[in-house]
PDB file of all heavy atoms in Angstrom:
ATOM      1  N   SER A   1      14.807  18.999  20.076  1.00  0.00           N
ATOM      2  CA  SER A   1      14.916  17.590  19.715  1.00  0.00           C
ATOM      3  C   SER A   1      14.478  17.425  18.265  1.00  0.00           C
ATOM      4  O   SER A   1      13.520  18.033  17.809  1.00  0.00           O
ATOM      5  CB  SER A   1      14.047  16.727  20.627  1.00  0.00           C
ATOM      6  OG  SER A   1      12.700  17.049  20.452  1.00  0.00           O
ATOM      7  N   THR A   2      15.204  16.630  17.549  1.00  0.00           N
ATOM      8  CA  THR A   2      14.864  16.356  16.157  1.00  0.00           C
ATOM      9  C   THR A   2      14.586  14.873  16.022  1.00  0.00           C
ATOM     10  O   THR A   2      15.221  14.037  16.662  1.00  0.00           O
ATOM     11  CB  THR A   2      16.012  16.751  15.211  1.00  0.00           C
ATOM     12  OG1 THR A   2      17.177  16.022  15.578  1.00  0.00           O
ATOM     13  CG2 THR A   2      16.287  18.231  15.272  1.00  0.00           C
ATOM     14  N   SER A   3      13.635  14.565  15.199  1.00  0.00           N
ATOM     15  CA  SER A   3      13.288  13.180  14.943  1.00  0.00           C
ATOM     16  C   SER A   3      14.058  12.712  13.720  1.00  0.00           C
ATOM     17  O   SER A   3      14.022  13.340  12.675  1.00  0.00           O
ATOM     18  CB  SER A   3      11.788  13.058  14.710  1.00  0.00           C
ATOM     19  OG  SER A   3      11.470  11.748  14.360  1.00  0.00           O
ATOM     20  N   ASN A   4      14.739  11.640  13.862  1.00  0.00           N
ATOM     21  CA  ASN A   4      15.533  11.106  12.756  1.00  0.00           C
ATOM     22  C   ASN A   4      14.811   9.926  12.118  1.00  0.00           C
ATOM     23  O   ASN A   4      15.255   8.787  12.208  1.00  0.00           O
ATOM     24  CB  ASN A   4      16.920  10.688  13.233  1.00  0.00           C
ATOM     25  CG  ASN A   4      17.762  11.860  13.629  1.00  0.00           C
ATOM     26  OD1 ASN A   4      17.617  12.930  13.047  1.00  0.00           O
ATOM     27  ND2 ASN A   4      18.634  11.686  14.602  1.00  0.00           N
ATOM     28  N   VAL A   5      13.679  10.204  11.494  1.00  0.00           N
ATOM     29  CA  VAL A   5      12.953   9.165  10.779  1.00  0.00           C
ATOM     30  C   VAL A   5      13.557   9.057   9.394  1.00  0.00           C
ATOM     31  O   VAL A   5      13.671  10.044   8.671  1.00  0.00           O
ATOM     32  CB  VAL A   5      11.447   9.514  10.677  1.00  0.00           C
ATOM     33  CG1 VAL A   5      10.714   8.461   9.881  1.00  0.00           C
ATOM     34  CG2 VAL A   5      10.842   9.674  12.049  1.00  0.00           C
ATOM     35  N   SER A   6      13.950   7.860   9.034  1.00  0.00           N
ATOM     36  CA  SER A   6      14.616   7.691   7.747  1.00  0.00           C
ATOM     37  C   SER A   6      13.634   7.885   6.596  1.00  0.00           C
ATOM     38  O   SER A   6      12.441   7.640   6.712  1.00  0.00           O
ATOM     39  CB  SER A   6      15.251   6.307   7.655  1.00  0.00           C
ATOM     40  OG  SER A   6      14.254   5.324   7.526  1.00  0.00           O
ATOM     41  N   LYS A   7      14.160   8.320   5.490  1.00  0.00           N
ATOM     42  CA  LYS A   7      13.332   8.523   4.305  1.00  0.00           C
ATOM     43  C   LYS A   7      12.804   7.198   3.784  1.00  0.00           C
ATOM     44  O   LYS A   7      11.706   7.137   3.229  1.00  0.00           O
ATOM     45  CB  LYS A   7      14.131   9.252   3.233  1.00  0.00           C
ATOM     46  CG  LYS A   7      14.432  10.678   3.612  1.00  0.00           C
ATOM     47  CD  LYS A   7      15.237  11.382   2.568  1.00  0.00           C
ATOM     48  CE  LYS A   7      15.554  12.792   3.076  1.00  0.00           C
ATOM     49  NZ  LYS A   7      16.420  13.515   2.182  1.00  0.00           N
ATOM     50  N   LEU A   8      13.549   6.141   3.981  1.00  0.00           N
ATOM     51  CA  LEU A   8      13.101   4.812   3.566  1.00  0.00           C
ATOM     52  C   LEU A   8      11.853   4.392   4.338  1.00  0.00           C
ATOM     53  O   LEU A   8      10.914   3.842   3.760  1.00  0.00           O
ATOM     54  CB  LEU A   8      14.222   3.787   3.775  1.00  0.00           C
ATOM     55  CG  LEU A   8      13.885   2.350   3.401  1.00  0.00           C
ATOM     56  CD1 LEU A   8      13.574   2.263   1.911  1.00  0.00           C
ATOM     57  CD2 LEU A   8      15.019   1.433   3.774  1.00  0.00           C
ATOM     58  N   ALA A   9      11.805   4.694   5.628  1.00  0.00           N
ATOM     59  CA  ALA A   9      10.629   4.368   6.429  1.00  0.00           C
ATOM     60  C   ALA A   9       9.421   5.164   5.967  1.00  0.00           C
ATOM     61  O   ALA A   9       8.303   4.635   5.893  1.00  0.00           O
ATOM     62  CB  ALA A   9      10.908   4.635   7.903  1.00  0.00           C
ATOM     63  N   ILE A  10       9.611   6.426   5.623  1.00  0.00           N
ATOM     64  CA  ILE A  10       8.506   7.258   5.146  1.00  0.00           C
ATOM     65  C   ILE A  10       7.987   6.732   3.811  1.00  0.00           C
ATOM     66  O   ILE A  10       6.776   6.637   3.596  1.00  0.00           O
ATOM     67  CB  ILE A  10       8.949   8.719   5.042  1.00  0.00           C
ATOM     68  CG1 ILE A  10       9.221   9.274   6.443  1.00  0.00           C
ATOM     69  CG2 ILE A  10       7.910   9.558   4.325  1.00  0.00           C
ATOM     70  CD1 ILE A  10       9.850  10.635   6.454  1.00  0.00           C
ATOM     71  N   VAL A  11       8.881   6.345   2.918  1.00  0.00           N
ATOM     72  CA  VAL A  11       8.474   5.804   1.619  1.00  0.00           C
ATOM     73  C   VAL A  11       7.744   4.475   1.807  1.00  0.00           C
ATOM     74  O   VAL A  11       6.709   4.227   1.168  1.00  0.00           O
ATOM     75  CB  VAL A  11       9.697   5.644   0.688  1.00  0.00           C
ATOM     76  CG1 VAL A  11       9.357   4.847  -0.551  1.00  0.00           C
ATOM     77  CG2 VAL A  11      10.249   7.001   0.316  1.00  0.00           C
ATOM     78  N   ALA A  12       8.252   3.622   2.691  1.00  0.00           N
ATOM     79  CA  ALA A  12       7.608   2.331   2.938  1.00  0.00           C
ATOM     80  C   ALA A  12       6.202   2.519   3.493  1.00  0.00           C
ATOM     81  O   ALA A  12       5.257   1.852   3.058  1.00  0.00           O
ATOM     82  CB  ALA A  12       8.450   1.496   3.897  1.00  0.00           C
ATOM     83  N   LEU A  13       6.023   3.430   4.431  1.00  0.00           N
ATOM     84  CA  LEU A  13       4.698   3.688   4.983  1.00  0.00           C
ATOM     85  C   LEU A  13       3.757   4.296   3.948  1.00  0.00           C
ATOM     86  O   LEU A  13       2.562   3.993   3.934  1.00  0.00           O
ATOM     87  CB  LEU A  13       4.798   4.591   6.204  1.00  0.00           C
ATOM     88  CG  LEU A  13       5.383   3.930   7.453  1.00  0.00           C
ATOM     89  CD1 LEU A  13       5.575   4.958   8.554  1.00  0.00           C
ATOM     90  CD2 LEU A  13       4.488   2.799   7.925  1.00  0.00           C
ATOM     91  N   ALA A  14       4.273   5.140   3.075  1.00  0.00           N
ATOM     92  CA  ALA A  14       3.450   5.720   2.011  1.00  0.00           C
ATOM     93  C   ALA A  14       2.971   4.640   1.045  1.00  0.00           C
ATOM     94  O   ALA A  14       1.814   4.659   0.606  1.00  0.00           O
ATOM     95  CB  ALA A  14       4.231   6.798   1.267  1.00  0.00           C
ATOM     96  N   ILE A  15       3.831   3.677   0.735  1.00  0.00           N
ATOM     97  CA  ILE A  15       3.448   2.574  -0.150  1.00  0.00           C
ATOM     98  C   ILE A  15       2.396   1.698   0.514  1.00  0.00           C
ATOM     99  O   ILE A  15       1.407   1.310  -0.122  1.00  0.00           O
ATOM    100  CB  ILE A  15       4.687   1.759  -0.564  1.00  0.00           C
ATOM    101  CG1 ILE A  15       5.547   2.589  -1.508  1.00  0.00           C
ATOM    102  CG2 ILE A  15       4.282   0.440  -1.216  1.00  0.00           C
ATOM    103  CD1 ILE A  15       6.906   1.997  -1.804  1.00  0.00           C
ATOM    104  N   ILE A  16       2.577   1.404   1.798  1.00  0.00           N
ATOM    105  CA  ILE A  16       1.592   0.609   2.533  1.00  0.00           C
ATOM    106  C   ILE A  16       0.251   1.335   2.597  1.00  0.00           C
ATOM    107  O   ILE A  16      -0.810   0.736   2.412  1.00  0.00           O
ATOM    108  CB  ILE A  16       2.114   0.268   3.940  1.00  0.00           C
ATOM    109  CG1 ILE A  16       3.282  -0.699   3.831  1.00  0.00           C
ATOM    110  CG2 ILE A  16       1.013  -0.304   4.827  1.00  0.00           C
ATOM    111  CD1 ILE A  16       4.036  -0.912   5.119  1.00  0.00           C
ATOM    112  N   PHE A  17       0.274   2.632   2.836  1.00  0.00           N
ATOM    113  CA  PHE A  17      -0.951   3.430   2.871  1.00  0.00           C
ATOM    114  C   PHE A  17      -1.653   3.405   1.520  1.00  0.00           C
ATOM    115  O   PHE A  17      -2.871   3.219   1.445  1.00  0.00           O
ATOM    116  CB  PHE A  17      -0.644   4.867   3.285  1.00  0.00           C
ATOM    117  CG  PHE A  17      -1.837   5.771   3.221  1.00  0.00           C
ATOM    118  CD1 PHE A  17      -2.803   5.733   4.211  1.00  0.00           C
ATOM    119  CD2 PHE A  17      -2.001   6.645   2.157  1.00  0.00           C
ATOM    120  CE1 PHE A  17      -3.914   6.549   4.151  1.00  0.00           C
ATOM    121  CE2 PHE A  17      -3.106   7.472   2.088  1.00  0.00           C
ATOM    122  CZ  PHE A  17      -4.071   7.424   3.094  1.00  0.00           C
ATOM    123  N   ALA A  18      -0.907   3.597   0.442  1.00  0.00           N
ATOM    124  CA  ALA A  18      -1.502   3.604  -0.891  1.00  0.00           C
ATOM    125  C   ALA A  18      -2.102   2.247  -1.238  1.00  0.00           C
ATOM    126  O   ALA A  18      -3.195   2.169  -1.815  1.00  0.00           O
ATOM    127  CB  ALA A  18      -0.455   4.011  -1.929  1.00  0.00           C
ATOM    128  N   ALA A  19      -1.414   1.171  -0.879  1.00  0.00           N
ATOM    129  CA  ALA A  19      -1.946  -0.170  -1.141  1.00  0.00           C
ATOM    130  C   ALA A  19      -3.212  -0.413  -0.331  1.00  0.00           C
ATOM    131  O   ALA A  19      -4.193  -0.962  -0.850  1.00  0.00           O
ATOM    132  CB  ALA A  19      -0.887  -1.225  -0.813  1.00  0.00           C
ATOM    133  N   GLY A  20      -3.229   0.006   0.922  1.00  0.00           N
ATOM    134  CA  GLY A  20      -4.423  -0.153   1.748  1.00  0.00           C
ATOM    135  C   GLY A  20      -5.581   0.664   1.227  1.00  0.00           C
ATOM    136  O   GLY A  20      -6.732   0.214   1.224  1.00  0.00           O
ATOM    137  N   LEU A  21      -5.304   1.866   0.770  1.00  0.00           N
ATOM    138  CA  LEU A  21      -6.351   2.713   0.195  1.00  0.00           C
ATOM    139  C   LEU A  21      -6.933   2.071  -1.059  1.00  0.00           C
ATOM    140  O   LEU A  21      -8.150   2.069  -1.259  1.00  0.00           O
ATOM    141  CB  LEU A  21      -5.782   4.092  -0.136  1.00  0.00           C
ATOM    142  CG  LEU A  21      -6.765   5.102  -0.698  1.00  0.00           C
ATOM    143  CD1 LEU A  21      -7.812   5.458   0.355  1.00  0.00           C
ATOM    144  CD2 LEU A  21      -6.029   6.337  -1.152  1.00  0.00           C
ATOM    145  N   PHE A  22      -6.086   1.484  -1.877  1.00  0.00           N
ATOM    146  CA  PHE A  22      -6.565   0.798  -3.075  1.00  0.00           C
ATOM    147  C   PHE A  22      -7.438  -0.396  -2.711  1.00  0.00           C
ATOM    148  O   PHE A  22      -8.521  -0.576  -3.270  1.00  0.00           O
ATOM    149  CB  PHE A  22      -5.396   0.331  -3.951  1.00  0.00           C
ATOM    150  CG  PHE A  22      -5.842  -0.539  -5.095  1.00  0.00           C
ATOM    151  CD1 PHE A  22      -6.432   0.036  -6.202  1.00  0.00           C
ATOM    152  CD2 PHE A  22      -5.694  -1.908  -5.036  1.00  0.00           C
ATOM    153  CE1 PHE A  22      -6.866  -0.752  -7.256  1.00  0.00           C
ATOM    154  CE2 PHE A  22      -6.127  -2.703  -6.081  1.00  0.00           C
ATOM    155  CZ  PHE A  22      -6.710  -2.131  -7.195  1.00  0.00           C
ATOM    156  N   VAL A  23      -6.981  -1.198  -1.758  1.00  0.00           N
ATOM    157  CA  VAL A  23      -7.722  -2.398  -1.378  1.00  0.00           C
ATOM    158  C   VAL A  23      -9.084  -2.030  -0.804  1.00  0.00           C
ATOM    159  O   VAL A  23     -10.108  -2.604  -1.176  1.00  0.00           O
ATOM    160  CB  VAL A  23      -6.912  -3.254  -0.381  1.00  0.00           C
ATOM    161  CG1 VAL A  23      -7.776  -4.325   0.245  1.00  0.00           C
ATOM    162  CG2 VAL A  23      -5.723  -3.887  -1.087  1.00  0.00           C
ATOM    163  N   VAL A  24      -9.130  -1.065   0.093  1.00  0.00           N
ATOM    164  CA  VAL A  24     -10.393  -0.698   0.726  1.00  0.00           C
ATOM    165  C   VAL A  24     -11.287   0.084  -0.228  1.00  0.00           C
ATOM    166  O   VAL A  24     -12.490  -0.153  -0.303  1.00  0.00           O
ATOM    167  CB  VAL A  24     -10.142   0.124   2.011  1.00  0.00           C
ATOM    168  CG1 VAL A  24     -11.441   0.689   2.554  1.00  0.00           C
ATOM    169  CG2 VAL A  24      -9.471  -0.729   3.062  1.00  0.00           C
ATOM    170  N   GLY A  25     -10.729   0.994  -0.984  1.00  0.00           N
ATOM    171  CA  GLY A  25     -11.550   1.895  -1.764  1.00  0.00           C
ATOM    172  C   GLY A  25     -11.846   1.497  -3.191  1.00  0.00           C
ATOM    173  O   GLY A  25     -12.897   1.851  -3.716  1.00  0.00           O
ATOM    174  N   PHE A  26     -10.956   0.762  -3.829  1.00  0.00           N
ATOM    175  CA  PHE A  26     -11.109   0.598  -5.266  1.00  0.00           C
ATOM    176  C   PHE A  26     -11.047  -0.831  -5.774  1.00  0.00           C
ATOM    177  O   PHE A  26     -11.366  -1.065  -6.942  1.00  0.00           O
ATOM    178  CB  PHE A  26     -10.037   1.429  -5.989  1.00  0.00           C
ATOM    179  CG  PHE A  26     -10.103   2.885  -5.659  1.00  0.00           C
ATOM    180  CD1 PHE A  26      -9.174   3.455  -4.804  1.00  0.00           C
ATOM    181  CD2 PHE A  26     -11.098   3.681  -6.171  1.00  0.00           C
ATOM    182  CE1 PHE A  26      -9.234   4.796  -4.490  1.00  0.00           C
ATOM    183  CE2 PHE A  26     -11.174   5.025  -5.858  1.00  0.00           C
ATOM    184  CZ  PHE A  26     -10.245   5.585  -5.022  1.00  0.00           C
ATOM    185  N   ASP A  27     -10.640  -1.781  -4.968  1.00  0.00           N
ATOM    186  CA  ASP A  27     -10.471  -3.148  -5.466  1.00  0.00           C
ATOM    187  C   ASP A  27     -11.809  -3.776  -5.810  1.00  0.00           C
ATOM    188  O   ASP A  27     -12.732  -3.791  -5.008  1.00  0.00           O
ATOM    189  CB  ASP A  27      -9.759  -4.012  -4.433  1.00  0.00           C
ATOM    190  CG  ASP A  27      -9.527  -5.405  -4.969  1.00  0.00           C
ATOM    191  OD1 ASP A  27      -8.814  -5.514  -5.980  1.00  0.00           O
ATOM    192  OD2 ASP A  27     -10.072  -6.371  -4.394  1.00  0.00           O
ATOM    193  N   GLN A  28     -11.924  -4.271  -7.017  1.00  0.00           N
ATOM    194  CA  GLN A  28     -13.119  -4.980  -7.479  1.00  0.00           C
ATOM    195  C   GLN A  28     -12.725  -6.357  -8.012  1.00  0.00           C
ATOM    196  O   GLN A  28     -13.270  -6.828  -8.990  1.00  0.00           O
ATOM    197  CB  GLN A  28     -13.809  -4.174  -8.580  1.00  0.00           C
ATOM    198  CG  GLN A  28     -14.334  -2.846  -8.151  1.00  0.00           C
ATOM    199  CD  GLN A  28     -15.559  -2.974  -7.243  1.00  0.00           C
ATOM    200  OE1 GLN A  28     -16.288  -3.952  -7.289  1.00  0.00           O
ATOM    201  NE2 GLN A  28     -15.765  -1.986  -6.407  1.00  0.00           N
ATOM    202  N   GLY A  29     -11.771  -6.994  -7.339  1.00  0.00           N
ATOM    203  CA  GLY A  29     -11.306  -8.303  -7.764  1.00  0.00           C
ATOM    204  C   GLY A  29      -9.907  -8.287  -8.342  1.00  0.00           C
ATOM    205  O   GLY A  29      -9.378  -9.324  -8.729  1.00  0.00           O
ATOM    206  N   HIS A  30      -9.284  -7.125  -8.401  1.00  0.00           N
ATOM    207  CA  HIS A  30      -7.966  -7.006  -9.026  1.00  0.00           C
ATOM    208  C   HIS A  30      -6.884  -7.768  -8.269  1.00  0.00           C
ATOM    209  O   HIS A  30      -6.011  -8.378  -8.886  1.00  0.00           O
ATOM    210  CB  HIS A  30      -7.564  -5.541  -9.143  1.00  0.00           C
ATOM    211  CG  HIS A  30      -8.509  -4.743  -9.967  1.00  0.00           C
ATOM    212  ND1 HIS A  30      -9.558  -4.050  -9.416  1.00  0.00           N
ATOM    213  CD2 HIS A  30      -8.588  -4.547 -11.298  1.00  0.00           C
ATOM    214  CE1 HIS A  30     -10.228  -3.449 -10.366  1.00  0.00           C
ATOM    215  NE2 HIS A  30      -9.671  -3.736 -11.528  1.00  0.00           N
ATOM    216  N   ILE A  31      -6.924  -7.725  -6.940  1.00  0.00           N
ATOM    217  CA  ILE A  31      -5.869  -8.362  -6.148  1.00  0.00           C
ATOM    218  C   ILE A  31      -5.883  -9.873  -6.339  1.00  0.00           C
ATOM    219  O   ILE A  31      -4.857 -10.493  -6.612  1.00  0.00           O
ATOM    220  CB  ILE A  31      -6.027  -8.010  -4.653  1.00  0.00           C
ATOM    221  CG1 ILE A  31      -5.924  -6.512  -4.435  1.00  0.00           C
ATOM    222  CG2 ILE A  31      -5.010  -8.761  -3.803  1.00  0.00           C
ATOM    223  CD1 ILE A  31      -4.580  -5.912  -4.722  1.00  0.00           C
ATOM    224  N   PHE A  32      -7.057 -10.495  -6.216  1.00  0.00           N
ATOM    225  CA  PHE A  32      -7.145 -11.952  -6.337  1.00  0.00           C
ATOM    226  C   PHE A  32      -7.139 -12.426  -7.781  1.00  0.00           C
ATOM    227  O   PHE A  32      -7.030 -13.622  -8.032  1.00  0.00           O
ATOM    228  CB  PHE A  32      -8.377 -12.482  -5.613  1.00  0.00           C
ATOM    229  CG  PHE A  32      -8.215 -12.553  -4.118  1.00  0.00           C
ATOM    230  CD1 PHE A  32      -9.302 -12.368  -3.287  1.00  0.00           C
ATOM    231  CD2 PHE A  32      -6.996 -12.817  -3.539  1.00  0.00           C
ATOM    232  CE1 PHE A  32      -9.165 -12.433  -1.912  1.00  0.00           C
ATOM    233  CE2 PHE A  32      -6.833 -12.881  -2.172  1.00  0.00           C
ATOM    234  CZ  PHE A  32      -7.927 -12.694  -1.363  1.00  0.00           C
ATOM    235  N   SER A  33      -7.272 -11.527  -8.742  1.00  0.00           N
ATOM    236  CA  SER A  33      -7.260 -11.958 -10.141  1.00  0.00           C
ATOM    237  C   SER A  33      -5.899 -12.512 -10.538  1.00  0.00           C
ATOM    238  O   SER A  33      -5.808 -13.273 -11.499  1.00  0.00           O
ATOM    239  CB  SER A  33      -7.649 -10.814 -11.066  1.00  0.00           C
ATOM    240  OG  SER A  33      -6.645  -9.819 -11.091  1.00  0.00           O
ATOM    241  N   ILE A  34      -4.871 -12.155  -9.781  1.00  0.00           N
ATOM    242  CA  ILE A  34      -3.537 -12.698 -10.047  1.00  0.00           C
ATOM    243  C   ILE A  34      -3.541 -14.206  -9.846  1.00  0.00           C
ATOM    244  O   ILE A  34      -2.921 -14.950 -10.601  1.00  0.00           O
ATOM    245  CB  ILE A  34      -2.500 -12.027  -9.126  1.00  0.00           C
ATOM    246  CG1 ILE A  34      -2.431 -10.537  -9.421  1.00  0.00           C
ATOM    247  CG2 ILE A  34      -1.132 -12.680  -9.265  1.00  0.00           C
ATOM    248  CD1 ILE A  34      -1.674  -9.739  -8.383  1.00  0.00           C
ATOM    249  N   VAL A  35      -4.298 -14.667  -8.845  1.00  0.00           N
ATOM    250  CA  VAL A  35      -4.343 -16.094  -8.513  1.00  0.00           C
ATOM    251  C   VAL A  35      -5.540 -16.787  -9.156  1.00  0.00           C
ATOM    252  O   VAL A  35      -5.407 -17.848  -9.759  1.00  0.00           O
ATOM    253  CB  VAL A  35      -4.386 -16.283  -6.978  1.00  0.00           C
ATOM    254  CG1 VAL A  35      -4.503 -17.742  -6.611  1.00  0.00           C
ATOM    255  CG2 VAL A  35      -3.172 -15.651  -6.331  1.00  0.00           C
ATOM    256  N   TYR A  36      -6.735 -16.183  -9.043  1.00  0.00           N
ATOM    257  CA  TYR A  36      -7.966 -16.838  -9.475  1.00  0.00           C
ATOM    258  C   TYR A  36      -8.393 -16.496 -10.898  1.00  0.00           C
ATOM    259  O   TYR A  36      -9.348 -17.063 -11.403  1.00  0.00           O
ATOM    260  CB  TYR A  36      -9.112 -16.480  -8.519  1.00  0.00           C
ATOM    261  CG  TYR A  36      -8.938 -17.041  -7.142  1.00  0.00           C
ATOM    262  CD1 TYR A  36      -8.796 -16.201  -6.048  1.00  0.00           C
ATOM    263  CD2 TYR A  36      -8.899 -18.407  -6.920  1.00  0.00           C
ATOM    264  CE1 TYR A  36      -8.625 -16.710  -4.774  1.00  0.00           C
ATOM    265  CE2 TYR A  36      -8.733 -18.930  -5.653  1.00  0.00           C
ATOM    266  CZ  TYR A  36      -8.603 -18.073  -4.586  1.00  0.00           C
ATOM    267  OH  TYR A  36      -8.425 -18.582  -3.335  1.00  0.00           O
ATOM    268  N   GLY A  37      -7.759 -15.547 -11.517  1.00  0.00           N
ATOM    269  CA  GLY A  37      -8.110 -15.187 -12.883  1.00  0.00           C
ATOM    270  C   GLY A  37      -9.408 -14.404 -12.945  1.00  0.00           C
ATOM    271  O   GLY A  37      -9.738 -13.631 -12.050  1.00  0.00           O
ATOM    272  N   GLU A  38     -10.170 -14.614 -13.999  1.00  0.00           N
ATOM    273  CA  GLU A  38     -11.406 -13.871 -14.224  1.00  0.00           C
ATOM    274  C   GLU A  38     -12.467 -14.144 -13.163  1.00  0.00           C
ATOM    275  O   GLU A  38     -13.346 -13.325 -12.933  1.00  0.00           O
ATOM    276  CB  GLU A  38     -11.971 -14.187 -15.607  1.00  0.00           C
ATOM    277  CG  GLU A  38     -11.140 -13.643 -16.747  1.00  0.00           C
ATOM    278  CD  GLU A  38     -11.114 -12.126 -16.761  1.00  0.00           C
ATOM    279  OE1 GLU A  38     -12.158 -11.497 -16.506  1.00  0.00           O
ATOM    280  OE2 GLU A  38     -10.033 -11.572 -17.026  1.00  0.00           O
TER     281      GLU A  38
END
């Protein structure tokens, strides 16, 4: 049996993982600075 997971799904999950890693591990106000500024 072969799994036919599309490459688009793998890329989308990798982007979601990277964004989550950034938010949990490295965000120091960067995400909300788009809306709230300094």
